[in-house]
Amino acid sequence: MSFVDLYSNSEHRTNLAHFAAIATLAAVDGSINAPELAIIDRFA
């Protein structure tokens, strides 16, 4: 496994964690409204 493979895997995990944090924040009030869904769809 090359160094580049290790870096891209770590970067992917970081991006996934950031997306999960955005989705969690959007759902914190119990429901995801249309503007929040638009942002989530943009990053998905």
Protein backbone atom coordinates (compact mmCIF):
# COMPACT_ATOMS: atom_id res chain seq x y z
CA MET A 1 0.00 0.00 0.00
CA SER A 2 1.43 3.35 -0.99
CA PHE A 3 1.47 6.53 1.06
CA VAL A 4 -1.04 8.10 -1.35
CA ASP A 5 -3.52 5.29 -0.65
CA LEU A 6 -3.24 5.90 3.08
CA TYR A 7 -3.79 9.63 2.69
CA SER A 8 -6.83 9.32 0.44
CA ASN A 9 -8.45 6.82 2.82
CA SER A 10 -7.95 9.17 5.75
CA GLU A 11 -9.31 12.08 3.73
CA HIS A 12 -12.40 10.05 2.81
CA ARG A 13 -13.05 9.20 6.45
CA THR A 14 -12.70 12.86 7.42
CA ASN A 15 -15.13 13.95 4.72
CA LEU A 16 -17.61 11.30 5.80
CA ALA A 17 -17.33 12.43 9.42
CA HIS A 18 -17.96 16.04 8.41
CA PHE A 19 -21.02 15.03 6.40
CA ALA A 20 -22.35 13.03 9.35
CA ALA A 21 -21.87 16.05 11.62
CA ILE A 22 -23.82 18.28 9.21
CA ALA A 23 -26.65 15.75 9.00
CA THR A 24 -26.72 15.37 12.79
CA LEU A 25 -26.91 19.13 13.30
CA ALA A 26 -29.74 19.39 10.78
CA ALA A 27 -31.72 16.71 12.63
CA VAL A 28 -31.08 17.98 16.16
CA ASP A 29 -34.46 19.71 16.38
CA GLY A 30 -36.33 16.54 15.46
CA SER A 31 -36.92 17.07 11.75
CA ILE A 32 -34.97 18.17 8.71
CA ASN A 33 -36.64 21.07 6.91
CA ALA A 34 -36.36 21.95 3.20
CA PRO A 35 -33.37 24.36 3.43
CA GLU A 36 -31.43 21.88 5.59
CA LEU A 37 -32.25 19.06 3.18
CA ALA A 38 -31.03 21.17 0.26
CA ILE A 39 -27.67 21.63 1.97
CA ILE A 40 -27.39 17.93 2.79
CA ASP A 41 -28.27 16.99 -0.80
CA ARG A 42 -25.65 19.42 -2.08
CA PHE A 43 -22.91 17.66 -0.14
CA ALA A 44 -24.18 14.10 -0.67
